[in-house]
Protein backbone atom coordinates (compact mmCIF):
# COMPACT_ATOMS: atom_id res chain seq x y z
CA MET A 1 -14.64 2.70 18.32
CA GLY A 2 -15.52 -0.76 19.40
CA GLY A 3 -19.00 -0.60 21.10
CA THR A 4 -21.80 -2.87 19.91
CA ALA A 5 -24.18 -2.46 16.48
CA PRO A 6 -27.16 -1.10 16.67
CA LYS A 7 -30.11 -3.01 17.86
CA ASN A 8 -32.43 -1.31 14.36
CA LYS A 9 -29.80 -1.67 11.79
CA SER A 10 -29.42 -4.71 9.39
CA LYS A 11 -26.74 -7.79 9.86
CA ARG A 12 -25.72 -9.87 7.40
CA LYS A 13 -23.87 -13.18 6.82
CA ASP A 14 -20.74 -12.25 5.47
CA PHE A 15 -18.39 -8.92 4.48
CA ILE A 16 -16.98 -10.62 1.93
CA SER A 17 -18.69 -11.28 -1.36
CA TRP A 18 -16.22 -11.93 -4.17
CA PHE A 19 -12.66 -11.64 -4.47
CA GLU A 20 -9.99 -10.74 -7.02
CA ILE A 21 -6.70 -11.45 -7.01
CA PRO A 22 -4.66 -9.44 -9.45
CA ALA A 23 -1.96 -11.04 -11.41
CA LEU A 24 0.21 -9.63 -13.96
CA ASN A 25 1.46 -13.28 -15.01
CA PHE A 26 -1.58 -15.59 -15.49
CA ASN A 27 -0.74 -18.67 -16.46
CA GLN A 28 2.00 -18.69 -13.45
CA SER A 29 -0.48 -17.55 -10.79
CA ILE A 30 -2.98 -20.22 -12.18
CA ASN A 31 -0.67 -22.93 -11.66
CA PHE A 32 0.83 -21.74 -8.96
CA TYR A 33 -3.10 -21.80 -6.47
CA ASN A 34 -4.19 -24.59 -8.78
CA GLN A 35 -1.03 -26.65 -7.02
CA ILE A 36 -1.09 -25.07 -3.32
CA PHE A 37 -5.21 -26.26 -3.66
CA ASP A 38 -5.40 -29.22 -5.71
CA ILE A 39 -8.03 -27.77 -7.35
CA GLU A 40 -8.30 -26.66 -11.63
CA MET A 41 -9.36 -23.21 -12.21
CA GLU A 42 -11.94 -22.63 -14.66
CA THR A 43 -11.19 -19.36 -16.60
CA ASN A 44 -12.53 -17.11 -19.25
CA LEU A 45 -10.64 -14.41 -21.48
CA ASP A 46 -11.58 -11.54 -23.36
CA LYS A 47 -9.76 -8.28 -25.47
CA ASN A 48 -9.41 -6.94 -22.13
CA TYR A 49 -9.45 -8.75 -19.06
CA ALA A 50 -8.19 -12.31 -18.03
CA MET A 51 -10.32 -14.05 -15.09
CA ALA A 52 -10.09 -17.81 -13.26
CA PHE A 53 -12.53 -18.68 -10.53
CA PHE A 54 -12.09 -20.04 -7.30
CA PRO A 55 -13.71 -23.53 -8.21
CA VAL A 56 -16.59 -22.91 -4.90
CA ASN A 57 -20.52 -24.77 -4.52
CA LYS A 58 -21.71 -21.38 -2.58
CA GLY A 59 -20.78 -18.97 -0.69
CA ILE A 60 -18.31 -16.22 -1.56
CA GLY A 61 -16.40 -16.97 -4.75
CA GLY A 62 -12.97 -15.31 -6.14
CA SER A 63 -10.36 -15.18 -9.51
CA ILE A 64 -7.21 -14.34 -10.45
CA VAL A 65 -8.25 -10.82 -12.88
CA ALA A 66 -5.65 -10.09 -15.36
CA GLY A 67 -5.90 -6.89 -17.56
CA PRO A 68 -5.85 -2.93 -17.37
CA GLY A 69 -5.69 -2.47 -13.35
CA SER A 70 -5.13 -5.22 -12.07
CA THR A 71 -1.58 -4.87 -10.35
CA PRO A 72 -0.42 -7.01 -8.01
CA GLY A 73 1.31 -6.07 -4.20
CA GLU A 74 1.54 -6.56 -0.97
CA SER A 75 0.15 -3.57 0.59
CA GLY A 76 -3.96 -2.49 0.99
CA PRO A 77 -6.27 -5.43 1.74
CA LEU A 78 -5.15 -8.85 3.36
CA ILE A 79 -7.67 -11.70 2.22
CA TYR A 80 -7.62 -14.88 4.02
CA LEU A 81 -8.51 -17.30 1.67
CA ASN A 82 -10.10 -20.75 4.00
CA ALA A 83 -7.17 -23.95 3.80
CA GLY A 84 -9.86 -26.20 4.91
CA LYS A 85 -9.53 -28.96 8.20
CA ASP A 86 -6.17 -28.58 8.85
CA LEU A 87 -3.75 -25.40 7.28
CA ASN A 88 -0.07 -26.79 7.25
CA LEU A 89 -2.11 -29.18 4.09
CA VAL A 90 -2.05 -25.99 2.00
CA LEU A 91 0.92 -24.24 3.65
CA GLY A 92 3.16 -26.50 3.41
CA LYS A 93 2.87 -26.47 -0.83
CA VAL A 94 3.64 -22.74 -0.70
CA GLU A 95 7.07 -22.89 -1.37
CA LYS A 96 7.54 -25.01 -3.69
CA ALA A 97 4.35 -24.14 -6.17
CA GLY A 98 7.12 -20.54 -6.21
CA GLY A 99 5.64 -18.41 -3.21
CA ARG A 100 7.09 -17.41 0.12
CA ILE A 101 5.44 -17.57 3.53
CA VAL A 102 6.14 -14.20 5.81
CA MET A 103 4.69 -15.17 8.86
CA PRO A 104 4.20 -18.87 9.96
CA LYS A 105 1.63 -21.20 10.81
CA THR A 106 -0.08 -18.77 13.99
CA LEU A 107 -2.15 -19.21 17.09
CA ILE A 108 -5.43 -17.07 17.16
CA ASN A 109 -6.37 -18.60 20.07
CA ASP A 110 -8.10 -21.67 20.81
CA GLU A 111 -11.80 -20.85 19.78
CA ASP A 112 -10.48 -19.79 16.46
CA GLY A 113 -7.89 -20.98 15.28
CA TYR A 114 -5.27 -20.09 13.37
CA PHE A 115 -4.27 -18.46 10.54
CA ALA A 116 -0.60 -17.48 7.87
CA ILE A 117 0.33 -15.33 5.54
CA PHE A 118 2.17 -15.57 2.76
CA ILE A 119 3.43 -13.49 -0.43
CA ASP A 120 2.36 -15.52 -3.53
CA PRO A 121 4.07 -15.94 -7.17
CA GLU A 122 2.27 -12.56 -8.24
CA GLY A 123 3.14 -10.37 -5.26
CA ASN A 124 0.42 -10.39 -2.75
CA LYS A 125 0.41 -10.92 0.71
CA LEU A 126 -2.93 -13.10 0.85
CA ALA A 127 -3.40 -15.12 4.34
CA LEU A 128 -4.57 -18.04 5.52
CA TYR A 129 -6.95 -19.43 7.96
CA SER A 130 -8.52 -22.52 9.15
CA SER A 131 -9.70 -24.18 12.81
CA GLN A 132 -5.84 -26.19 13.14
């Protein structure tokens, strides 16, 4: 445990390449994330799955997904969403949009910034991160 990585092993820029946030009420979930991030998600529907995509220019993207096996919950991996320069701007919209804050804005340390944890209207536990 701990230590440094072997020097001959390859390193990656990011270890997350894509994320999916499960939803039962697809439209409610889209409205929540559109509202707290001031975005407009593009949707793709087929006979089995519905997906709404977080708009990104480059880098790591993700979606809201509804369909077989997409079950919201508070347990499992915790995804940190980028809240931009000031976490308070996004966190302040969480409850108004139907979510619940379970950990307020918290300092990680002076170099790494802040995080907060919330539950979205579908019951998923997620975090927000920002440098301020």
